[in-house]
N, C-alpha and C. Protein backbone atom coordinates (compact mmCIF):
# COMPACT_ATOMS: atom_id res chain seq x y z
N MET A 1 0.85 -1.19 0.00
CA MET A 1 0.00 0.00 0.00
C MET A 1 0.89 1.24 0.00
N SER A 2 0.46 2.28 -0.73
CA SER A 2 1.23 3.52 -0.79
C SER A 2 1.20 4.22 0.56
N LYS A 3 2.07 5.21 0.72
CA LYS A 3 2.15 5.94 1.97
C LYS A 3 0.81 6.60 2.31
N LEU A 4 0.54 6.71 3.59
CA LEU A 4 -0.64 7.43 4.04
C LEU A 4 -0.38 8.92 3.95
N LYS A 5 -1.27 9.63 3.30
CA LYS A 5 -1.18 11.09 3.25
C LYS A 5 -1.88 11.65 4.49
N ILE A 6 -1.12 12.37 5.30
CA ILE A 6 -1.62 12.89 6.56
C ILE A 6 -1.51 14.41 6.57
N ALA A 7 -2.59 15.08 6.92
CA ALA A 7 -2.58 16.53 7.07
C ALA A 7 -2.37 16.89 8.54
N VAL A 8 -1.42 17.76 8.80
CA VAL A 8 -1.23 18.33 10.14
C VAL A 8 -1.93 19.68 10.11
N ILE A 9 -3.09 19.76 10.76
CA ILE A 9 -3.95 20.93 10.65
C ILE A 9 -3.71 21.88 11.81
N ILE A 10 -3.28 23.10 11.48
CA ILE A 10 -3.10 24.14 12.50
C ILE A 10 -4.45 24.81 12.72
N SER A 11 -4.94 24.77 13.95
CA SER A 11 -6.33 25.15 14.20
C SER A 11 -6.53 26.58 14.68
N SER A 12 -5.48 27.28 15.01
CA SER A 12 -5.62 28.67 15.44
C SER A 12 -5.25 29.59 14.29
N THR A 13 -6.00 30.68 14.14
CA THR A 13 -5.72 31.64 13.07
C THR A 13 -5.22 32.98 13.62
N ARG A 14 -5.01 33.06 14.91
CA ARG A 14 -4.56 34.32 15.52
C ARG A 14 -3.17 34.70 15.04
N PRO A 15 -2.89 35.99 14.83
CA PRO A 15 -1.54 36.41 14.42
C PRO A 15 -0.46 36.00 15.40
N THR A 16 -0.80 35.93 16.70
CA THR A 16 0.20 35.60 17.73
C THR A 16 0.11 34.15 18.18
N ARG A 17 -0.45 33.29 17.34
CA ARG A 17 -0.68 31.90 17.73
C ARG A 17 0.61 31.16 18.06
N PHE A 18 0.46 30.15 18.88
CA PHE A 18 1.56 29.27 19.26
C PHE A 18 1.58 28.00 18.41
N GLY A 19 0.46 27.67 17.79
CA GLY A 19 0.27 26.37 17.17
C GLY A 19 1.27 25.95 16.11
N GLU A 20 1.90 26.92 15.46
CA GLU A 20 2.87 26.55 14.43
C GLU A 20 4.03 25.74 15.00
N LEU A 21 4.42 26.01 16.22
CA LEU A 21 5.58 25.32 16.81
C LEU A 21 5.31 23.84 17.02
N PRO A 22 4.24 23.45 17.72
CA PRO A 22 3.97 22.01 17.82
C PRO A 22 3.60 21.38 16.49
N ALA A 23 3.00 22.15 15.58
CA ALA A 23 2.65 21.60 14.27
C ALA A 23 3.90 21.19 13.50
N LYS A 24 4.89 22.04 13.51
CA LYS A 24 6.14 21.72 12.80
C LYS A 24 6.86 20.54 13.47
N TRP A 25 6.77 20.48 14.78
CA TRP A 25 7.42 19.39 15.51
C TRP A 25 6.77 18.05 15.17
N ILE A 26 5.43 17.99 15.23
CA ILE A 26 4.77 16.71 14.95
C ILE A 26 4.85 16.38 13.46
N LEU A 27 4.93 17.38 12.60
CA LEU A 27 5.14 17.13 11.17
C LEU A 27 6.44 16.37 10.95
N ASP A 28 7.51 16.82 11.60
CA ASP A 28 8.80 16.14 11.45
C ASP A 28 8.73 14.72 12.00
N LYS A 29 8.05 14.56 13.15
CA LYS A 29 7.92 13.22 13.72
C LYS A 29 7.14 12.30 12.78
N ALA A 30 6.08 12.82 12.20
CA ALA A 30 5.27 12.01 11.29
C ALA A 30 6.07 11.62 10.05
N ASN A 31 6.82 12.54 9.50
CA ASN A 31 7.56 12.27 8.27
C ASN A 31 8.79 11.40 8.50
N GLU A 32 9.16 11.19 9.75
CA GLU A 32 10.21 10.21 10.05
C GLU A 32 9.71 8.78 9.86
N ARG A 33 8.40 8.61 9.86
CA ARG A 33 7.81 7.28 9.73
C ARG A 33 7.70 6.92 8.25
N PRO A 34 8.21 5.76 7.83
CA PRO A 34 8.20 5.41 6.41
C PRO A 34 6.81 5.21 5.85
N GLU A 35 5.81 5.02 6.72
CA GLU A 35 4.44 4.79 6.25
C GLU A 35 3.67 6.07 5.95
N ILE A 36 4.26 7.23 6.32
CA ILE A 36 3.52 8.49 6.29
C ILE A 36 4.18 9.51 5.37
N GLN A 37 3.34 10.23 4.65
CA GLN A 37 3.74 11.44 3.94
C GLN A 37 2.85 12.56 4.47
N ALA A 38 3.41 13.45 5.28
CA ALA A 38 2.62 14.47 5.97
C ALA A 38 2.95 15.86 5.46
N GLU A 39 1.95 16.73 5.56
CA GLU A 39 2.15 18.14 5.24
C GLU A 39 1.28 18.98 6.15
N ILE A 40 1.68 20.22 6.34
CA ILE A 40 0.89 21.15 7.15
C ILE A 40 -0.23 21.73 6.30
N VAL A 41 -1.42 21.76 6.88
CA VAL A 41 -2.57 22.43 6.28
C VAL A 41 -3.01 23.49 7.28
N ASP A 42 -2.95 24.74 6.87
CA ASP A 42 -3.19 25.88 7.76
C ASP A 42 -4.56 26.46 7.46
N ILE A 43 -5.47 26.39 8.40
CA ILE A 43 -6.81 26.93 8.21
C ILE A 43 -6.75 28.40 7.79
N ARG A 44 -5.75 29.10 8.28
CA ARG A 44 -5.64 30.53 7.99
C ARG A 44 -5.46 30.81 6.50
N ASP A 45 -4.97 29.85 5.74
CA ASP A 45 -4.74 30.04 4.31
C ASP A 45 -6.01 30.00 3.48
N PHE A 46 -7.14 29.61 4.07
CA PHE A 46 -8.34 29.35 3.27
C PHE A 46 -9.43 30.43 3.40
N ASP A 47 -9.25 31.36 4.31
CA ASP A 47 -10.18 32.50 4.44
C ASP A 47 -11.63 32.01 4.44
N LEU A 48 -11.91 31.07 5.31
CA LEU A 48 -13.25 30.48 5.35
C LEU A 48 -14.25 31.44 6.00
N PRO A 49 -15.46 31.55 5.43
CA PRO A 49 -16.50 32.32 6.11
C PRO A 49 -17.05 31.52 7.29
N PHE A 50 -17.80 32.19 8.17
CA PHE A 50 -18.59 31.41 9.10
C PHE A 50 -19.60 30.61 8.28
N PHE A 51 -19.82 29.38 8.69
CA PHE A 51 -20.65 28.48 7.90
C PHE A 51 -22.01 29.13 7.61
N ASP A 52 -22.32 29.30 6.33
CA ASP A 52 -23.57 29.97 5.94
C ASP A 52 -24.22 29.30 4.73
N GLU A 53 -23.91 28.02 4.54
CA GLU A 53 -24.48 27.30 3.40
C GLU A 53 -25.95 26.92 3.68
N MET A 54 -26.65 26.57 2.62
CA MET A 54 -28.03 26.11 2.76
C MET A 54 -28.10 24.82 3.59
N ALA A 55 -27.05 23.99 3.46
CA ALA A 55 -26.99 22.73 4.18
C ALA A 55 -25.57 22.21 4.13
N SER A 56 -25.28 21.20 4.92
CA SER A 56 -23.99 20.51 4.87
C SER A 56 -23.77 19.93 3.47
N ASN A 57 -22.49 19.74 3.12
CA ASN A 57 -22.24 19.11 1.81
C ASN A 57 -22.55 17.62 1.82
N ALA A 58 -23.05 17.12 2.94
CA ALA A 58 -23.62 15.77 2.94
C ALA A 58 -24.92 15.74 2.14
N TRP A 59 -25.56 16.93 1.98
CA TRP A 59 -26.88 17.00 1.36
C TRP A 59 -26.87 17.76 0.04
N MET A 60 -25.97 18.73 -0.10
CA MET A 60 -25.92 19.51 -1.34
C MET A 60 -24.55 20.17 -1.46
N PRO A 61 -24.11 20.47 -2.70
CA PRO A 61 -22.79 21.09 -2.86
C PRO A 61 -22.73 22.47 -2.20
N SER A 62 -21.57 22.81 -1.69
CA SER A 62 -21.38 24.13 -1.09
C SER A 62 -21.24 25.19 -2.17
N ALA A 63 -21.73 26.39 -1.88
CA ALA A 63 -21.69 27.48 -2.85
C ALA A 63 -20.42 28.31 -2.72
N ASN A 64 -19.92 28.50 -1.50
CA ASN A 64 -18.75 29.35 -1.30
C ASN A 64 -17.50 28.68 -1.85
N GLN A 65 -16.78 29.37 -2.71
CA GLN A 65 -15.63 28.75 -3.37
C GLN A 65 -14.48 28.49 -2.43
N ASN A 66 -14.35 29.30 -1.37
CA ASN A 66 -13.31 29.00 -0.39
C ASN A 66 -13.63 27.73 0.39
N ALA A 67 -14.91 27.50 0.66
CA ALA A 67 -15.31 26.26 1.32
C ALA A 67 -15.03 25.07 0.41
N VAL A 68 -15.32 25.22 -0.87
CA VAL A 68 -15.05 24.14 -1.82
C VAL A 68 -13.55 23.87 -1.93
N LYS A 69 -12.76 24.93 -1.94
CA LYS A 69 -11.31 24.77 -1.97
C LYS A 69 -10.83 24.00 -0.73
N TRP A 70 -11.38 24.31 0.42
CA TRP A 70 -11.06 23.61 1.67
C TRP A 70 -11.45 22.14 1.59
N GLN A 71 -12.67 21.88 1.13
CA GLN A 71 -13.14 20.51 0.98
C GLN A 71 -12.22 19.70 0.07
N ASN A 72 -11.85 20.31 -1.05
CA ASN A 72 -10.98 19.60 -2.00
C ASN A 72 -9.62 19.30 -1.38
N LYS A 73 -9.13 20.23 -0.56
CA LYS A 73 -7.83 20.02 0.07
C LYS A 73 -7.89 18.88 1.07
N ILE A 74 -8.87 18.89 1.96
CA ILE A 74 -8.90 17.85 2.97
C ILE A 74 -9.24 16.49 2.37
N SER A 75 -9.87 16.49 1.21
CA SER A 75 -10.17 15.22 0.53
C SER A 75 -8.92 14.50 0.06
N GLU A 76 -7.81 15.22 -0.04
CA GLU A 76 -6.56 14.63 -0.52
C GLU A 76 -5.97 13.63 0.47
N PHE A 77 -6.41 13.68 1.74
CA PHE A 77 -5.69 12.99 2.80
C PHE A 77 -6.40 11.73 3.28
N ASP A 78 -5.57 10.82 3.79
CA ASP A 78 -6.06 9.58 4.39
C ASP A 78 -6.31 9.73 5.89
N GLY A 79 -5.77 10.76 6.48
CA GLY A 79 -5.93 10.98 7.91
C GLY A 79 -5.40 12.34 8.29
N TYR A 80 -5.56 12.67 9.57
CA TYR A 80 -5.28 14.03 10.03
C TYR A 80 -4.67 14.01 11.43
N ILE A 81 -3.83 15.01 11.68
CA ILE A 81 -3.40 15.32 13.05
C ILE A 81 -3.84 16.75 13.31
N PHE A 82 -4.79 16.91 14.20
CA PHE A 82 -5.26 18.25 14.55
C PHE A 82 -4.39 18.80 15.66
N VAL A 83 -3.83 19.98 15.44
CA VAL A 83 -3.03 20.65 16.46
C VAL A 83 -3.91 21.76 17.02
N THR A 84 -4.39 21.57 18.25
CA THR A 84 -5.42 22.46 18.75
C THR A 84 -5.10 23.03 20.13
N ALA A 85 -5.35 24.31 20.26
CA ALA A 85 -5.38 24.94 21.57
C ALA A 85 -6.69 24.57 22.26
N GLU A 86 -6.78 24.89 23.55
CA GLU A 86 -8.04 24.75 24.26
C GLU A 86 -8.59 26.13 24.57
N TYR A 87 -9.76 26.42 24.01
CA TYR A 87 -10.45 27.67 24.28
C TYR A 87 -11.70 27.37 25.10
N ASN A 88 -11.70 27.79 26.35
CA ASN A 88 -12.89 27.61 27.19
C ASN A 88 -13.42 26.18 27.16
N ARG A 89 -12.49 25.24 27.36
CA ARG A 89 -12.79 23.81 27.46
C ARG A 89 -13.21 23.16 26.14
N SER A 90 -12.84 23.77 25.04
CA SER A 90 -13.18 23.16 23.76
C SER A 90 -12.10 23.51 22.74
N ILE A 91 -12.33 23.09 21.49
CA ILE A 91 -11.42 23.42 20.41
C ILE A 91 -11.62 24.88 20.00
N THR A 92 -10.74 25.37 19.16
CA THR A 92 -10.86 26.75 18.69
C THR A 92 -12.11 26.91 17.83
N GLY A 93 -12.66 28.11 17.83
CA GLY A 93 -13.80 28.40 16.96
C GLY A 93 -13.44 28.23 15.50
N ALA A 94 -12.21 28.60 15.15
CA ALA A 94 -11.78 28.48 13.76
C ALA A 94 -11.77 27.02 13.31
N LEU A 95 -11.33 26.11 14.20
CA LEU A 95 -11.32 24.70 13.84
C LEU A 95 -12.73 24.15 13.72
N LYS A 96 -13.61 24.49 14.67
CA LYS A 96 -14.99 24.00 14.59
C LYS A 96 -15.64 24.48 13.30
N ASN A 97 -15.44 25.73 12.94
CA ASN A 97 -16.00 26.25 11.70
C ASN A 97 -15.45 25.53 10.48
N ALA A 98 -14.15 25.27 10.49
CA ALA A 98 -13.53 24.56 9.36
C ALA A 98 -14.06 23.14 9.25
N ILE A 99 -14.22 22.48 10.38
CA ILE A 99 -14.79 21.12 10.37
C ILE A 99 -16.20 21.16 9.79
N ASP A 100 -16.99 22.16 10.19
CA ASP A 100 -18.38 22.23 9.76
C ASP A 100 -18.53 22.58 8.28
N GLN A 101 -17.47 23.07 7.66
CA GLN A 101 -17.53 23.41 6.23
C GLN A 101 -17.52 22.17 5.34
N ALA A 102 -17.35 21.00 5.92
CA ALA A 102 -17.30 19.76 5.14
C ALA A 102 -17.96 18.66 5.94
N TYR A 103 -18.27 17.59 5.28
CA TYR A 103 -18.76 16.40 5.97
C TYR A 103 -18.25 15.14 5.29
N VAL A 104 -18.67 14.93 4.06
CA VAL A 104 -18.28 13.69 3.37
C VAL A 104 -16.77 13.58 3.23
N ASN A 105 -16.08 14.70 3.22
CA ASN A 105 -14.63 14.71 3.02
C ASN A 105 -13.88 14.14 4.21
N TRP A 106 -14.51 14.13 5.40
CA TRP A 106 -13.90 13.59 6.61
C TRP A 106 -14.21 12.10 6.81
N ASN A 107 -15.26 11.63 6.16
CA ASN A 107 -15.82 10.31 6.50
C ASN A 107 -14.82 9.18 6.32
N LYS A 108 -14.89 8.21 7.25
CA LYS A 108 -14.15 6.96 7.18
C LYS A 108 -12.64 7.18 7.10
N LYS A 109 -12.17 8.17 7.87
CA LYS A 109 -10.75 8.46 7.94
C LYS A 109 -10.33 8.53 9.41
N ALA A 110 -9.04 8.46 9.65
CA ALA A 110 -8.50 8.42 11.01
C ALA A 110 -7.89 9.76 11.39
N PHE A 111 -7.84 10.02 12.69
CA PHE A 111 -7.18 11.26 13.13
C PHE A 111 -6.56 11.08 14.51
N GLY A 112 -5.53 11.86 14.74
CA GLY A 112 -4.91 12.01 16.04
C GLY A 112 -4.90 13.49 16.40
N ALA A 113 -4.36 13.81 17.56
CA ALA A 113 -4.39 15.21 17.99
C ALA A 113 -3.17 15.55 18.83
N VAL A 114 -2.78 16.82 18.72
CA VAL A 114 -1.80 17.44 19.61
C VAL A 114 -2.51 18.61 20.26
N GLY A 115 -2.71 18.53 21.57
CA GLY A 115 -3.38 19.59 22.30
C GLY A 115 -2.39 20.36 23.16
N TYR A 116 -2.68 21.64 23.35
CA TYR A 116 -1.79 22.43 24.21
C TYR A 116 -2.60 23.45 25.00
N GLY A 117 -2.08 23.76 26.18
CA GLY A 117 -2.73 24.67 27.10
C GLY A 117 -2.36 24.28 28.52
N THR A 118 -2.96 24.93 29.49
CA THR A 118 -2.55 24.68 30.88
C THR A 118 -2.81 23.24 31.30
N VAL A 119 -3.85 22.61 30.75
CA VAL A 119 -4.10 21.19 31.03
C VAL A 119 -3.83 20.35 29.78
N GLY A 120 -2.97 20.84 28.94
CA GLY A 120 -2.55 20.08 27.77
C GLY A 120 -3.60 19.96 26.68
N GLY A 121 -4.59 20.84 26.71
CA GLY A 121 -5.64 20.76 25.71
C GLY A 121 -6.50 19.51 25.84
N ALA A 122 -6.48 18.89 27.02
CA ALA A 122 -7.15 17.60 27.19
C ALA A 122 -8.65 17.68 26.90
N ARG A 123 -9.30 18.74 27.38
CA ARG A 123 -10.75 18.84 27.19
C ARG A 123 -11.08 19.16 25.74
N ALA A 124 -10.20 19.94 25.08
CA ALA A 124 -10.41 20.22 23.66
C ALA A 124 -10.29 18.94 22.84
N VAL A 125 -9.30 18.12 23.16
CA VAL A 125 -9.10 16.88 22.41
C VAL A 125 -10.28 15.94 22.62
N GLU A 126 -10.79 15.84 23.84
CA GLU A 126 -11.96 15.00 24.08
C GLU A 126 -13.18 15.49 23.31
N HIS A 127 -13.36 16.81 23.27
CA HIS A 127 -14.47 17.36 22.49
C HIS A 127 -14.28 17.04 21.01
N LEU A 128 -13.06 17.16 20.53
CA LEU A 128 -12.76 16.85 19.14
C LEU A 128 -13.10 15.40 18.81
N ARG A 129 -12.82 14.50 19.73
CA ARG A 129 -13.16 13.09 19.50
C ARG A 129 -14.66 12.89 19.36
N ASN A 130 -15.45 13.59 20.17
CA ASN A 130 -16.91 13.50 20.05
C ASN A 130 -17.39 14.02 18.70
N ILE A 131 -16.79 15.12 18.25
CA ILE A 131 -17.14 15.66 16.93
C ILE A 131 -16.78 14.64 15.85
N GLY A 132 -15.63 14.01 16.00
CA GLY A 132 -15.18 13.03 15.02
C GLY A 132 -16.15 11.87 14.85
N ILE A 133 -16.81 11.46 15.94
CA ILE A 133 -17.80 10.38 15.84
C ILE A 133 -18.90 10.77 14.87
N GLU A 134 -19.41 12.00 14.99
CA GLU A 134 -20.48 12.44 14.09
C GLU A 134 -20.01 12.53 12.64
N LEU A 135 -18.72 12.76 12.46
CA LEU A 135 -18.15 12.85 11.11
C LEU A 135 -17.77 11.48 10.54
N GLN A 136 -18.11 10.41 11.28
CA GLN A 136 -17.79 9.05 10.87
C GLN A 136 -16.28 8.84 10.74
N MET A 137 -15.55 9.41 11.71
CA MET A 137 -14.10 9.27 11.77
C MET A 137 -13.72 8.35 12.92
N VAL A 138 -12.46 7.91 12.91
CA VAL A 138 -11.96 7.10 14.01
C VAL A 138 -10.77 7.82 14.63
N SER A 139 -10.79 7.95 15.95
CA SER A 139 -9.73 8.65 16.67
C SER A 139 -8.72 7.67 17.23
N THR A 140 -7.46 8.09 17.26
CA THR A 140 -6.46 7.33 18.00
C THR A 140 -6.77 7.41 19.50
N ARG A 141 -6.39 6.38 20.22
CA ARG A 141 -6.55 6.42 21.66
C ARG A 141 -5.60 7.44 22.28
N SER A 142 -4.36 7.45 21.81
CA SER A 142 -3.35 8.34 22.37
C SER A 142 -3.35 9.69 21.66
N ALA A 143 -3.04 10.72 22.42
CA ALA A 143 -2.84 12.06 21.87
C ALA A 143 -1.65 12.68 22.57
N VAL A 144 -1.14 13.74 22.03
CA VAL A 144 -0.04 14.48 22.64
C VAL A 144 -0.65 15.66 23.40
N HIS A 145 -0.26 15.81 24.67
CA HIS A 145 -0.77 16.90 25.50
C HIS A 145 0.41 17.72 26.03
N ILE A 146 0.50 18.95 25.58
CA ILE A 146 1.55 19.86 26.04
C ILE A 146 0.92 20.78 27.08
N GLY A 147 1.21 20.53 28.34
CA GLY A 147 0.55 21.27 29.40
C GLY A 147 1.45 21.57 30.57
N GLY A 148 0.90 22.26 31.54
CA GLY A 148 1.61 22.54 32.79
C GLY A 148 2.94 23.24 32.59
N ALA A 149 3.95 22.75 33.28
CA ALA A 149 5.27 23.37 33.21
C ALA A 149 5.87 23.25 31.82
N ASP A 150 5.57 22.16 31.12
CA ASP A 150 6.08 22.02 29.75
C ASP A 150 5.52 23.11 28.85
N PHE A 151 4.23 23.38 28.99
CA PHE A 151 3.60 24.42 28.17
C PHE A 151 4.23 25.79 28.47
N ALA A 152 4.43 26.09 29.73
CA ALA A 152 5.05 27.36 30.10
C ALA A 152 6.48 27.46 29.59
N ALA A 153 7.17 26.32 29.54
CA ALA A 153 8.57 26.33 29.12
C ALA A 153 8.76 26.57 27.63
N VAL A 154 7.73 26.23 26.83
CA VAL A 154 7.89 26.37 25.37
C VAL A 154 7.07 27.51 24.79
N HIS A 155 6.17 28.10 25.56
CA HIS A 155 5.31 29.16 25.03
C HIS A 155 5.96 30.53 25.29
N PRO A 156 6.30 31.27 24.24
CA PRO A 156 6.95 32.56 24.43
C PRO A 156 6.12 33.55 25.25
N GLY A 157 4.80 33.42 25.16
CA GLY A 157 3.93 34.33 25.90
C GLY A 157 4.03 34.18 27.40
N PHE A 158 4.53 33.03 27.85
CA PHE A 158 4.73 32.79 29.27
C PHE A 158 6.21 32.88 29.65
N GLY A 159 6.99 33.42 28.73
CA GLY A 159 8.43 33.54 28.98
C GLY A 159 9.21 32.30 28.64
N GLY A 160 8.57 31.35 28.00
CA GLY A 160 9.26 30.11 27.66
C GLY A 160 10.33 30.30 26.60
N THR A 161 11.40 29.59 26.76
CA THR A 161 12.53 29.70 25.82
C THR A 161 12.93 28.36 25.22
N LYS A 162 12.29 27.27 25.64
CA LYS A 162 12.66 25.96 25.14
C LYS A 162 11.95 25.66 23.82
N SER A 163 12.57 24.82 23.00
CA SER A 163 11.93 24.30 21.81
C SER A 163 11.07 23.09 22.19
N ILE A 164 10.16 22.71 21.31
CA ILE A 164 9.32 21.54 21.58
C ILE A 164 10.19 20.29 21.74
N SER A 165 11.25 20.21 20.95
CA SER A 165 12.11 19.02 21.03
C SER A 165 12.77 18.88 22.39
N GLU A 166 12.90 19.99 23.13
CA GLU A 166 13.54 19.93 24.45
C GLU A 166 12.62 19.36 25.52
N ILE A 167 11.33 19.18 25.22
CA ILE A 167 10.43 18.57 26.21
C ILE A 167 9.98 17.18 25.74
N GLU A 168 10.71 16.61 24.80
CA GLU A 168 10.33 15.29 24.28
C GLU A 168 10.35 14.21 25.35
N GLY A 169 11.10 14.41 26.41
CA GLY A 169 11.08 13.44 27.49
C GLY A 169 9.69 13.27 28.08
N SER A 170 8.88 14.34 28.01
CA SER A 170 7.51 14.30 28.54
C SER A 170 6.48 13.85 27.51
N ILE A 171 6.69 14.21 26.24
CA ILE A 171 5.64 14.00 25.24
C ILE A 171 6.03 13.05 24.11
N GLY A 172 7.28 12.62 24.09
CA GLY A 172 7.76 11.78 22.99
C GLY A 172 7.05 10.44 22.89
N ASN A 173 6.84 9.78 24.03
CA ASN A 173 6.17 8.48 24.00
C ASN A 173 4.73 8.60 23.53
N SER A 174 4.06 9.66 23.94
CA SER A 174 2.68 9.88 23.49
C SER A 174 2.63 10.10 21.98
N ALA A 175 3.61 10.84 21.48
CA ALA A 175 3.66 11.07 20.03
C ALA A 175 3.88 9.77 19.28
N LYS A 176 4.77 8.93 19.79
CA LYS A 176 5.01 7.63 19.15
C LYS A 176 3.75 6.78 19.14
N ASP A 177 3.08 6.69 20.30
CA ASP A 177 1.86 5.90 20.39
C ASP A 177 0.79 6.43 19.43
N MET A 178 0.62 7.74 19.41
CA MET A 178 -0.39 8.34 18.54
C MET A 178 -0.10 8.03 17.08
N LEU A 179 1.16 8.15 16.67
CA LEU A 179 1.52 7.88 15.28
C LEU A 179 1.38 6.40 14.95
N ASP A 180 1.75 5.52 15.89
CA ASP A 180 1.56 4.08 15.68
C ASP A 180 0.08 3.79 15.40
N GLN A 181 -0.78 4.36 16.22
CA GLN A 181 -2.22 4.11 16.07
C GLN A 181 -2.77 4.76 14.81
N LEU A 182 -2.28 5.94 14.47
CA LEU A 182 -2.74 6.62 13.26
C LEU A 182 -2.37 5.81 12.02
N ILE A 183 -1.19 5.21 12.02
CA ILE A 183 -0.77 4.37 10.89
C ILE A 183 -1.69 3.15 10.78
N TRP A 184 -1.98 2.50 11.92
CA TRP A 184 -2.83 1.30 11.88
C TRP A 184 -4.23 1.65 11.40
N TRP A 185 -4.85 2.64 12.03
CA TRP A 185 -6.21 3.01 11.66
C TRP A 185 -6.26 3.66 10.28
N GLY A 186 -5.23 4.42 9.95
CA GLY A 186 -5.19 5.03 8.62
C GLY A 186 -5.13 4.01 7.52
N ALA A 187 -4.31 2.97 7.73
CA ALA A 187 -4.21 1.89 6.73
C ALA A 187 -5.51 1.11 6.65
N ALA A 188 -6.13 0.84 7.81
CA ALA A 188 -7.38 0.06 7.82
C ALA A 188 -8.50 0.81 7.12
N THR A 189 -8.65 2.09 7.42
CA THR A 189 -9.74 2.86 6.80
C THR A 189 -9.46 3.11 5.32
N LYS A 190 -8.20 3.28 4.96
CA LYS A 190 -7.88 3.46 3.54
C LYS A 190 -8.23 2.20 2.75
N ALA A 191 -7.88 1.03 3.30
CA ALA A 191 -8.21 -0.22 2.62
C ALA A 191 -9.72 -0.39 2.48
N ALA A 192 -10.45 -0.03 3.53
CA ALA A 192 -11.91 -0.15 3.48
C ALA A 192 -12.50 0.80 2.46
N ARG A 193 -12.00 2.03 2.39
CA ARG A 193 -12.51 2.97 1.38
C ARG A 193 -12.22 2.47 -0.03
N ASN A 194 -11.03 1.89 -0.22
CA ASN A 194 -10.68 1.34 -1.54
C ASN A 194 -11.61 0.19 -1.91
N ASP A 195 -11.93 -0.65 -0.93
CA ASP A 195 -12.86 -1.75 -1.18
C ASP A 195 -14.25 -1.21 -1.56
N ASP A 196 -14.69 -0.17 -0.85
CA ASP A 196 -16.00 0.44 -1.15
C ASP A 196 -16.01 0.99 -2.58
N ALA A 197 -14.92 1.68 -2.95
CA ALA A 197 -14.85 2.26 -4.29
C ALA A 197 -14.85 1.19 -5.36
N ALA A 198 -14.14 0.09 -5.12
CA ALA A 198 -14.10 -1.01 -6.09
C ALA A 198 -15.47 -1.66 -6.22
N ALA A 199 -16.17 -1.83 -5.10
CA ALA A 199 -17.50 -2.43 -5.15
C ALA A 199 -18.49 -1.53 -5.88
N ALA A 200 -18.39 -0.22 -5.64
CA ALA A 200 -19.28 0.72 -6.33
C ALA A 200 -19.03 0.72 -7.83
N LYS A 201 -17.76 0.65 -8.22
CA LYS A 201 -17.43 0.63 -9.65
C LYS A 201 -17.92 -0.65 -10.31
N ALA A 202 -17.80 -1.78 -9.60
CA ALA A 202 -18.26 -3.06 -10.15
C ALA A 202 -19.77 -3.09 -10.31
N ALA A 203 -20.47 -2.30 -9.49
CA ALA A 203 -21.94 -2.29 -9.55
C ALA A 203 -22.48 -1.37 -10.64
N GLU A 204 -21.61 -0.57 -11.25
CA GLU A 204 -22.07 0.37 -12.29
C GLU A 204 -22.59 -0.35 -13.53
């Protein structure tokens, strides 16, 4: 089977965001794996409106061309790593809006997460997993949580001066577990989608 195409999605669009740092770190970790071909997908590059379509693209095509561009981009991938801050015990508004701009494009694919914040983005990641169920996605059991003293040490806004790689003693094993599971589930769901496509073509 060919390499799994994985999108590392940066979920914050703020000019002063922190998310690029863990995104680049997990991108490198993912691309060290021979089973994965990963790239960063930045929500900020798509200038998405607040969701204002007549309906989800599960029911009818989207009219906004930026939404269609986003849908086409995420359709390229076999799985995703969402890099998310925790805003008021949930994911960022920008990420929720981006998720809501598509439906069929997420279906039957795998995802993992890198959360960050004072509690490591734990509540945001759990909320993301619940959203993933409705999108017919499968989540890895393990996620990366950058929190507490580690978060303060790497976040410039808190005076942090360390790189993400300098706290790998705390988060490295979680990253390995998450990537192991993403490869397994990514391969399983990709094979199942290929089987579905072959069966549909045979029925034509």
